[in-house]
Amino acid sequence: MDMGSKAILTLSVPALPRSAPVAVSARPDVLRTFVLAVLDEWTEKVQNADDELLAAVHRAELERLGRVLRLLVPDAFDEDGCLS
């Protein structure tokens, strides 16, 4: 990212006051695993959608997430933009 900031992964519990963070990590391997899990989850949603419209909505979200996560966690992707 050009803004001088670094992506971090924060685990929080919504039931806690102000969704207080339980744990935080900026480790590249943790971020890479998170990216893989998120994109895998949305890929499954596309594949398991009950109808064409829902599949299209999930596919759009999968594509949006892919673009955003490539910007936030570029180390999770190779030169061609594929997950590494």
PDB file of N, CA and C in Angstrom:
ATOM      1  N   MET A   1       0.836  -1.182   0.000  1.00  0.00           N
ATOM      2  CA  MET A   1       0.000   0.000   0.000  1.00  0.00           C
ATOM      3  C   MET A   1       0.876   1.239   0.000  1.00  0.00           C
ATOM      4  N   ASP A   2       0.484   2.212  -0.733  1.00  0.00           N
ATOM      5  CA  ASP A   2       1.287   3.422  -0.861  1.00  0.00           C
ATOM      6  C   ASP A   2       1.124   4.383   0.308  1.00  0.00           C
ATOM      7  N   MET A   3       0.144   4.175   1.152  1.00  0.00           N
ATOM      8  CA  MET A   3      -0.149   5.129   2.215  1.00  0.00           C
ATOM      9  C   MET A   3       0.731   4.939   3.438  1.00  0.00           C
ATOM     10  N   GLY A   4       1.706   4.048   3.356  1.00  0.00           N
ATOM     11  CA  GLY A   4       2.605   3.852   4.470  1.00  0.00           C
ATOM     12  C   GLY A   4       1.992   3.031   5.592  1.00  0.00           C
ATOM     13  N   SER A   5       0.811   2.495   5.382  1.00  0.00           N
ATOM     14  CA  SER A   5       0.179   1.683   6.412  1.00  0.00           C
ATOM     15  C   SER A   5       0.345   0.213   6.057  1.00  0.00           C
ATOM     16  N   LYS A   6       0.223  -0.615   7.056  1.00  0.00           N
ATOM     17  CA  LYS A   6       0.390  -2.039   6.882  1.00  0.00           C
ATOM     18  C   LYS A   6      -0.881  -2.727   7.354  1.00  0.00           C
ATOM     19  N   ALA A   7      -1.338  -3.698   6.595  1.00  0.00           N
ATOM     20  CA  ALA A   7      -2.545  -4.430   6.975  1.00  0.00           C
ATOM     21  C   ALA A   7      -2.274  -5.253   8.226  1.00  0.00           C
ATOM     22  N   ILE A   8      -3.263  -5.303   9.093  1.00  0.00           N
ATOM     23  CA  ILE A   8      -3.215  -6.155  10.273  1.00  0.00           C
ATOM     24  C   ILE A   8      -4.517  -6.927  10.339  1.00  0.00           C
ATOM     25  N   LEU A   9      -4.486  -8.048  11.017  1.00  0.00           N
ATOM     26  CA  LEU A   9      -5.679  -8.849  11.238  1.00  0.00           C
ATOM     27  C   LEU A   9      -6.036  -8.723  12.709  1.00  0.00           C
ATOM     28  N   THR A  10      -7.275  -8.331  12.968  1.00  0.00           N
ATOM     29  CA  THR A  10      -7.734  -8.149  14.337  1.00  0.00           C
ATOM     30  C   THR A  10      -8.877  -9.111  14.625  1.00  0.00           C
ATOM     31  N   LEU A  11      -8.738  -9.877  15.683  1.00  0.00           N
ATOM     32  CA  LEU A  11      -9.802 -10.775  16.130  1.00  0.00           C
ATOM     33  C   LEU A  11     -10.575 -10.065  17.222  1.00  0.00           C
ATOM     34  N   SER A  12     -11.877  -9.934  17.014  1.00  0.00           N
ATOM     35  CA  SER A  12     -12.699  -9.279  18.027  1.00  0.00           C
ATOM     36  C   SER A  12     -13.978 -10.079  18.240  1.00  0.00           C
ATOM     37  N   VAL A  13     -14.609  -9.828  19.358  1.00  0.00           N
ATOM     38  CA  VAL A  13     -15.860 -10.490  19.722  1.00  0.00           C
ATOM     39  C   VAL A  13     -16.932  -9.419  19.818  1.00  0.00           C
ATOM     40  N   PRO A  14     -17.905  -9.431  18.904  1.00  0.00           N
ATOM     41  CA  PRO A  14     -18.919  -8.372  18.892  1.00  0.00           C
ATOM     42  C   PRO A  14     -19.685  -8.214  20.209  1.00  0.00           C
ATOM     43  N   ALA A  15     -19.788  -9.270  20.990  1.00  0.00           N
ATOM     44  CA  ALA A  15     -20.540  -9.191  22.244  1.00  0.00           C
ATOM     45  C   ALA A  15     -19.797  -8.407  23.326  1.00  0.00           C
ATOM     46  N   LEU A  16     -18.499  -8.220  23.151  1.00  0.00           N
ATOM     47  CA  LEU A  16     -17.728  -7.464  24.128  1.00  0.00           C
ATOM     48  C   LEU A  16     -17.969  -5.970  23.926  1.00  0.00           C
ATOM     49  N   PRO A  17     -17.783  -5.183  24.980  1.00  0.00           N
ATOM     50  CA  PRO A  17     -17.968  -3.734  24.831  1.00  0.00           C
ATOM     51  C   PRO A  17     -17.092  -3.176  23.710  1.00  0.00           C
ATOM     52  N   ARG A  18     -17.695  -2.423  22.824  1.00  0.00           N
ATOM     53  CA  ARG A  18     -17.013  -1.782  21.699  1.00  0.00           C
ATOM     54  C   ARG A  18     -16.224  -2.767  20.848  1.00  0.00           C
ATOM     55  N   SER A  19     -16.656  -4.019  20.806  1.00  0.00           N
ATOM     56  CA  SER A  19     -15.964  -5.058  20.031  1.00  0.00           C
ATOM     57  C   SER A  19     -14.466  -5.028  20.297  1.00  0.00           C
ATOM     58  N   ALA A  20     -14.100  -5.057  21.557  1.00  0.00           N
ATOM     59  CA  ALA A  20     -12.696  -4.974  21.965  1.00  0.00           C
ATOM     60  C   ALA A  20     -11.867  -6.056  21.279  1.00  0.00           C
ATOM     61  N   PRO A  21     -10.705  -5.680  20.729  1.00  0.00           N
ATOM     62  CA  PRO A  21      -9.830  -6.672  20.105  1.00  0.00           C
ATOM     63  C   PRO A  21      -9.352  -7.702  21.117  1.00  0.00           C
ATOM     64  N   VAL A  22      -9.378  -8.953  20.703  1.00  0.00           N
ATOM     65  CA  VAL A  22      -8.872 -10.038  21.534  1.00  0.00           C
ATOM     66  C   VAL A  22      -7.420 -10.322  21.171  1.00  0.00           C
ATOM     67  N   ALA A  23      -7.116 -10.219  19.864  1.00  0.00           N
ATOM     68  CA  ALA A  23      -5.762 -10.474  19.385  1.00  0.00           C
ATOM     69  C   ALA A  23      -5.549  -9.724  18.074  1.00  0.00           C
ATOM     70  N   VAL A  24      -4.279  -9.399  17.811  1.00  0.00           N
ATOM     71  CA  VAL A  24      -3.910  -8.687  16.588  1.00  0.00           C
ATOM     72  C   VAL A  24      -2.650  -9.335  16.029  1.00  0.00           C
ATOM     73  N   SER A  25      -2.587  -9.449  14.699  1.00  0.00           N
ATOM     74  CA  SER A  25      -1.382  -9.987  14.068  1.00  0.00           C
ATOM     75  C   SER A  25      -1.130  -9.264  12.754  1.00  0.00           C
ATOM     76  N   ALA A  26       0.141  -9.029  12.478  1.00  0.00           N
ATOM     77  CA  ALA A  26       0.558  -8.470  11.191  1.00  0.00           C
ATOM     78  C   ALA A  26       1.495  -9.437  10.475  1.00  0.00           C
ATOM     79  N   ARG A  27       1.594 -10.662  10.995  1.00  0.00           N
ATOM     80  CA  ARG A  27       2.486 -11.647  10.382  1.00  0.00           C
ATOM     81  C   ARG A  27       2.016 -11.982   8.979  1.00  0.00           C
ATOM     82  N   PRO A  28       2.915 -11.938   8.011  1.00  0.00           N
ATOM     83  CA  PRO A  28       2.540 -12.225   6.626  1.00  0.00           C
ATOM     84  C   PRO A  28       1.877 -13.593   6.435  1.00  0.00           C
ATOM     85  N   ASP A  29       2.346 -14.620   7.148  1.00  0.00           N
ATOM     86  CA  ASP A  29       1.746 -15.946   6.982  1.00  0.00           C
ATOM     87  C   ASP A  29       0.317 -15.995   7.519  1.00  0.00           C
ATOM     88  N   VAL A  30       0.041 -15.254   8.586  1.00  0.00           N
ATOM     89  CA  VAL A  30      -1.308 -15.179   9.138  1.00  0.00           C
ATOM     90  C   VAL A  30      -2.230 -14.444   8.170  1.00  0.00           C
ATOM     91  N   LEU A  31      -1.758 -13.329   7.628  1.00  0.00           N
ATOM     92  CA  LEU A  31      -2.551 -12.563   6.671  1.00  0.00           C
ATOM     93  C   LEU A  31      -2.819 -13.387   5.409  1.00  0.00           C
ATOM     94  N   ARG A  32      -1.819 -14.107   4.936  1.00  0.00           N
ATOM     95  CA  ARG A  32      -1.970 -14.952   3.745  1.00  0.00           C
ATOM     96  C   ARG A  32      -3.017 -16.037   3.996  1.00  0.00           C
ATOM     97  N   THR A  33      -2.965 -16.664   5.162  1.00  0.00           N
ATOM     98  CA  THR A  33      -3.937 -17.699   5.511  1.00  0.00           C
ATOM     99  C   THR A  33      -5.340 -17.119   5.576  1.00  0.00           C
ATOM    100  N   PHE A  34      -5.471 -15.921   6.129  1.00  0.00           N
ATOM    101  CA  PHE A  34      -6.763 -15.257   6.204  1.00  0.00           C
ATOM    102  C   PHE A  34      -7.312 -14.978   4.805  1.00  0.00           C
ATOM    103  N   VAL A  35      -6.475 -14.448   3.933  1.00  0.00           N
ATOM    104  CA  VAL A  35      -6.901 -14.156   2.559  1.00  0.00           C
ATOM    105  C   VAL A  35      -7.380 -15.439   1.883  1.00  0.00           C
ATOM    106  N   LEU A  36      -6.614 -16.504   2.011  1.00  0.00           N
ATOM    107  CA  LEU A  36      -6.998 -17.787   1.419  1.00  0.00           C
ATOM    108  C   LEU A  36      -8.342 -18.261   1.961  1.00  0.00           C
ATOM    109  N   ALA A  37      -8.544 -18.152   3.265  1.00  0.00           N
ATOM    110  CA  ALA A  37      -9.790 -18.611   3.889  1.00  0.00           C
ATOM    111  C   ALA A  37     -10.984 -17.789   3.410  1.00  0.00           C
ATOM    112  N   VAL A  38     -10.830 -16.480   3.354  1.00  0.00           N
ATOM    113  CA  VAL A  38     -11.936 -15.605   2.936  1.00  0.00           C
ATOM    114  C   VAL A  38     -12.318 -15.883   1.487  1.00  0.00           C
ATOM    115  N   LEU A  39     -11.331 -15.945   0.610  1.00  0.00           N
ATOM    116  CA  LEU A  39     -11.641 -16.168  -0.795  1.00  0.00           C
ATOM    117  C   LEU A  39     -12.185 -17.570  -1.033  1.00  0.00           C
ATOM    118  N   ASP A  40     -11.715 -18.545  -0.272  1.00  0.00           N
ATOM    119  CA  ASP A  40     -12.246 -19.904  -0.366  1.00  0.00           C
ATOM    120  C   ASP A  40     -13.708 -19.942   0.088  1.00  0.00           C
ATOM    121  N   GLU A  41     -14.012 -19.236   1.170  1.00  0.00           N
ATOM    122  CA  GLU A  41     -15.382 -19.184   1.681  1.00  0.00           C
ATOM    123  C   GLU A  41     -16.339 -18.598   0.635  1.00  0.00           C
ATOM    124  N   TRP A  42     -15.924 -17.511  -0.009  1.00  0.00           N
ATOM    125  CA  TRP A  42     -16.789 -16.878  -1.014  1.00  0.00           C
ATOM    126  C   TRP A  42     -16.866 -17.697  -2.289  1.00  0.00           C
ATOM    127  N   THR A  43     -15.810 -18.423  -2.627  1.00  0.00           N
ATOM    128  CA  THR A  43     -15.857 -19.332  -3.771  1.00  0.00           C
ATOM    129  C   THR A  43     -16.891 -20.428  -3.518  1.00  0.00           C
ATOM    130  N   GLU A  44     -16.910 -20.956  -2.305  1.00  0.00           N
ATOM    131  CA  GLU A  44     -17.907 -21.970  -1.944  1.00  0.00           C
ATOM    132  C   GLU A  44     -19.318 -21.402  -2.002  1.00  0.00           C
ATOM    133  N   LYS A  45     -19.491 -20.148  -1.575  1.00  0.00           N
ATOM    134  CA  LYS A  45     -20.813 -19.523  -1.649  1.00  0.00           C
ATOM    135  C   LYS A  45     -21.284 -19.417  -3.092  1.00  0.00           C
ATOM    136  N   VAL A  46     -20.382 -19.084  -4.000  1.00  0.00           N
ATOM    137  CA  VAL A  46     -20.735 -19.013  -5.423  1.00  0.00           C
ATOM    138  C   VAL A  46     -21.146 -20.398  -5.918  1.00  0.00           C
ATOM    139  N   GLN A  47     -20.336 -21.394  -5.590  1.00  0.00           N
ATOM    140  CA  GLN A  47     -20.588 -22.761  -6.073  1.00  0.00           C
ATOM    141  C   GLN A  47     -21.853 -23.377  -5.482  1.00  0.00           C
ATOM    142  N   ASN A  48     -22.206 -22.992  -4.261  1.00  0.00           N
ATOM    143  CA  ASN A  48     -23.347 -23.604  -3.585  1.00  0.00           C
ATOM    144  C   ASN A  48     -24.604 -22.752  -3.598  1.00  0.00           C
ATOM    145  N   ALA A  49     -24.598 -21.673  -4.369  1.00  0.00           N
ATOM    146  CA  ALA A  49     -25.763 -20.789  -4.423  1.00  0.00           C
ATOM    147  C   ALA A  49     -26.972 -21.559  -4.960  1.00  0.00           C
ATOM    148  N   ASP A  50     -28.139 -21.238  -4.398  1.00  0.00           N
ATOM    149  CA  ASP A  50     -29.369 -21.934  -4.777  1.00  0.00           C
ATOM    150  C   ASP A  50     -29.911 -21.523  -6.144  1.00  0.00           C
ATOM    151  N   ASP A  51     -29.533 -20.348  -6.601  1.00  0.00           N
ATOM    152  CA  ASP A  51     -30.021 -19.896  -7.905  1.00  0.00           C
ATOM    153  C   ASP A  51     -28.986 -18.999  -8.574  1.00  0.00           C
ATOM    154  N   GLU A  52     -29.268 -18.679  -9.821  1.00  0.00           N
ATOM    155  CA  GLU A  52     -28.329 -17.903 -10.633  1.00  0.00           C
ATOM    156  C   GLU A  52     -28.118 -16.486 -10.100  1.00  0.00           C
ATOM    157  N   LEU A  53     -29.191 -15.869  -9.601  1.00  0.00           N
ATOM    158  CA  LEU A  53     -29.083 -14.510  -9.076  1.00  0.00           C
ATOM    159  C   LEU A  53     -28.179 -14.476  -7.844  1.00  0.00           C
ATOM    160  N   LEU A  54     -28.396 -15.380  -6.909  1.00  0.00           N
ATOM    161  CA  LEU A  54     -27.565 -15.431  -5.705  1.00  0.00           C
ATOM    162  C   LEU A  54     -26.114 -15.734  -6.069  1.00  0.00           C
ATOM    163  N   ALA A  55     -25.908 -16.609  -7.032  1.00  0.00           N
ATOM    164  CA  ALA A  55     -24.541 -16.916  -7.482  1.00  0.00           C
ATOM    165  C   ALA A  55     -23.877 -15.658  -8.047  1.00  0.00           C
ATOM    166  N   ALA A  56     -24.631 -14.857  -8.801  1.00  0.00           N
ATOM    167  CA  ALA A  56     -24.078 -13.627  -9.372  1.00  0.00           C
ATOM    168  C   ALA A  56     -23.715 -12.623  -8.279  1.00  0.00           C
ATOM    169  N   VAL A  57     -24.559 -12.506  -7.262  1.00  0.00           N
ATOM    170  CA  VAL A  57     -24.284 -11.595  -6.147  1.00  0.00           C
ATOM    171  C   VAL A  57     -23.032 -12.049  -5.399  1.00  0.00           C
ATOM    172  N   HIS A  58     -22.934 -13.338  -5.130  1.00  0.00           N
ATOM    173  CA  HIS A  58     -21.757 -13.866  -4.432  1.00  0.00           C
ATOM    174  C   HIS A  58     -20.497 -13.724  -5.293  1.00  0.00           C
ATOM    175  N   ARG A  59     -20.628 -13.921  -6.598  1.00  0.00           N
ATOM    176  CA  ARG A  59     -19.478 -13.783  -7.496  1.00  0.00           C
ATOM    177  C   ARG A  59     -18.971 -12.346  -7.502  1.00  0.00           C
ATOM    178  N   ALA A  60     -19.888 -11.397  -7.502  1.00  0.00           N
ATOM    179  CA  ALA A  60     -19.499  -9.978  -7.459  1.00  0.00           C
ATOM    180  C   ALA A  60     -18.749  -9.665  -6.166  1.00  0.00           C
ATOM    181  N   GLU A  61     -19.223 -10.215  -5.048  1.00  0.00           N
ATOM    182  CA  GLU A  61     -18.548  -9.989  -3.766  1.00  0.00           C
ATOM    183  C   GLU A  61     -17.177 -10.661  -3.761  1.00  0.00           C
ATOM    184  N   LEU A  62     -17.075 -11.848  -4.319  1.00  0.00           N
ATOM    185  CA  LEU A  62     -15.793 -12.550  -4.416  1.00  0.00           C
ATOM    186  C   LEU A  62     -14.793 -11.728  -5.225  1.00  0.00           C
ATOM    187  N   GLU A  63     -15.238 -11.162  -6.342  1.00  0.00           N
ATOM    188  CA  GLU A  63     -14.359 -10.343  -7.168  1.00  0.00           C
ATOM    189  C   GLU A  63     -13.934  -9.068  -6.438  1.00  0.00           C
ATOM    190  N   ARG A  64     -14.880  -8.439  -5.725  1.00  0.00           N
ATOM    191  CA  ARG A  64     -14.556  -7.227  -4.955  1.00  0.00           C
ATOM    192  C   ARG A  64     -13.530  -7.543  -3.875  1.00  0.00           C
ATOM    193  N   LEU A  65     -13.765  -8.622  -3.143  1.00  0.00           N
ATOM    194  CA  LEU A  65     -12.831  -9.019  -2.089  1.00  0.00           C
ATOM    195  C   LEU A  65     -11.449  -9.318  -2.668  1.00  0.00           C
ATOM    196  N   GLY A  66     -11.402  -9.993  -3.802  1.00  0.00           N
ATOM    197  CA  GLY A  66     -10.118 -10.292  -4.438  1.00  0.00           C
ATOM    198  C   GLY A  66      -9.340  -9.023  -4.752  1.00  0.00           C
ATOM    199  N   ARG A  67     -10.032  -8.023  -5.317  1.00  0.00           N
ATOM    200  CA  ARG A  67      -9.352  -6.754  -5.648  1.00  0.00           C
ATOM    201  C   ARG A  67      -8.857  -6.047  -4.388  1.00  0.00           C
ATOM    202  N   VAL A  68      -9.699  -5.966  -3.371  1.00  0.00           N
ATOM    203  CA  VAL A  68      -9.330  -5.261  -2.135  1.00  0.00           C
ATOM    204  C   VAL A  68      -8.205  -5.991  -1.408  1.00  0.00           C
ATOM    205  N   LEU A  69      -8.321  -7.305  -1.295  1.00  0.00           N
ATOM    206  CA  LEU A  69      -7.291  -8.060  -0.579  1.00  0.00           C
ATOM    207  C   LEU A  69      -5.955  -8.048  -1.310  1.00  0.00           C
ATOM    208  N   ARG A  70      -5.970  -7.979  -2.653  1.00  0.00           N
ATOM    209  CA  ARG A  70      -4.709  -7.845  -3.405  1.00  0.00           C
ATOM    210  C   ARG A  70      -4.010  -6.537  -3.055  1.00  0.00           C
ATOM    211  N   LEU A  71      -4.786  -5.492  -2.805  1.00  0.00           N
ATOM    212  CA  LEU A  71      -4.196  -4.203  -2.417  1.00  0.00           C
ATOM    213  C   LEU A  71      -3.694  -4.222  -0.974  1.00  0.00           C
ATOM    214  N   LEU A  72      -4.465  -4.851  -0.095  1.00  0.00           N
ATOM    215  CA  LEU A  72      -4.118  -4.850   1.325  1.00  0.00           C
ATOM    216  C   LEU A  72      -3.035  -5.862   1.691  1.00  0.00           C
ATOM    217  N   VAL A  73      -3.042  -7.016   1.033  1.00  0.00           N
ATOM    218  CA  VAL A  73      -2.104  -8.094   1.366  1.00  0.00           C
ATOM    219  C   VAL A  73      -1.465  -8.610   0.068  1.00  0.00           C
ATOM    220  N   PRO A  74      -0.662  -7.767  -0.574  1.00  0.00           N
ATOM    221  CA  PRO A  74      -0.096  -8.170  -1.869  1.00  0.00           C
ATOM    222  C   PRO A  74       0.804  -9.396  -1.790  1.00  0.00           C
ATOM    223  N   ASP A  75       1.388  -9.660  -0.633  1.00  0.00           N
ATOM    224  CA  ASP A  75       2.279 -10.816  -0.487  1.00  0.00           C
ATOM    225  C   ASP A  75       1.542 -12.143  -0.605  1.00  0.00           C
ATOM    226  N   ALA A  76       0.220 -12.126  -0.513  1.00  0.00           N
ATOM    227  CA  ALA A  76      -0.564 -13.353  -0.626  1.00  0.00           C
ATOM    228  C   ALA A  76      -0.766 -13.758  -2.087  1.00  0.00           C
ATOM    229  N   PHE A  77      -0.349 -12.886  -3.021  1.00  0.00           N
ATOM    230  CA  PHE A  77      -0.571 -13.116  -4.443  1.00  0.00           C
ATOM    231  C   PHE A  77       0.744 -13.120  -5.196  1.00  0.00           C
ATOM    232  N   ASP A  78       0.784 -13.886  -6.293  1.00  0.00           N
ATOM    233  CA  ASP A  78       1.985 -13.885  -7.118  1.00  0.00           C
ATOM    234  C   ASP A  78       1.927 -12.738  -8.131  1.00  0.00           C
ATOM    235  N   GLU A  79       2.902 -12.693  -9.039  1.00  0.00           N
ATOM    236  CA  GLU A  79       2.986 -11.597 -10.017  1.00  0.00           C
ATOM    237  C   GLU A  79       1.765 -11.518 -10.931  1.00  0.00           C
ATOM    238  N   ASP A  80       1.113 -12.661 -11.157  1.00  0.00           N
ATOM    239  CA  ASP A  80      -0.057 -12.719 -12.044  1.00  0.00           C
ATOM    240  C   ASP A  80      -1.355 -12.441 -11.311  1.00  0.00           C
ATOM    241  N   GLY A  81      -1.270 -12.144 -10.002  1.00  0.00           N
ATOM    242  CA  GLY A  81      -2.471 -11.859  -9.226  1.00  0.00           C
ATOM    243  C   GLY A  81      -3.158 -13.092  -8.690  1.00  0.00           C
ATOM    244  N   CYS A  82      -2.503 -14.246  -8.837  1.00  0.00           N
ATOM    245  CA  CYS A  82      -3.066 -15.492  -8.307  1.00  0.00           C
ATOM    246  C   CYS A  82      -2.582 -15.703  -6.877  1.00  0.00           C
ATOM    247  N   LEU A  83      -3.392 -16.395  -6.092  1.00  0.00           N
ATOM    248  CA  LEU A  83      -2.986 -16.680  -4.714  1.00  0.00           C
ATOM    249  C   LEU A  83      -1.735 -17.511  -4.715  1.00  0.00           C
ATOM    250  N   SER A  84      -0.814 -17.157  -3.830  1.00  0.00           N
ATOM    251  CA  SER A  84       0.448 -17.901  -3.767  1.00  0.00           C
ATOM    252  C   SER A  84       0.495 -18.774  -2.538  1.00  0.00           C
TER     253      SER A  84
END
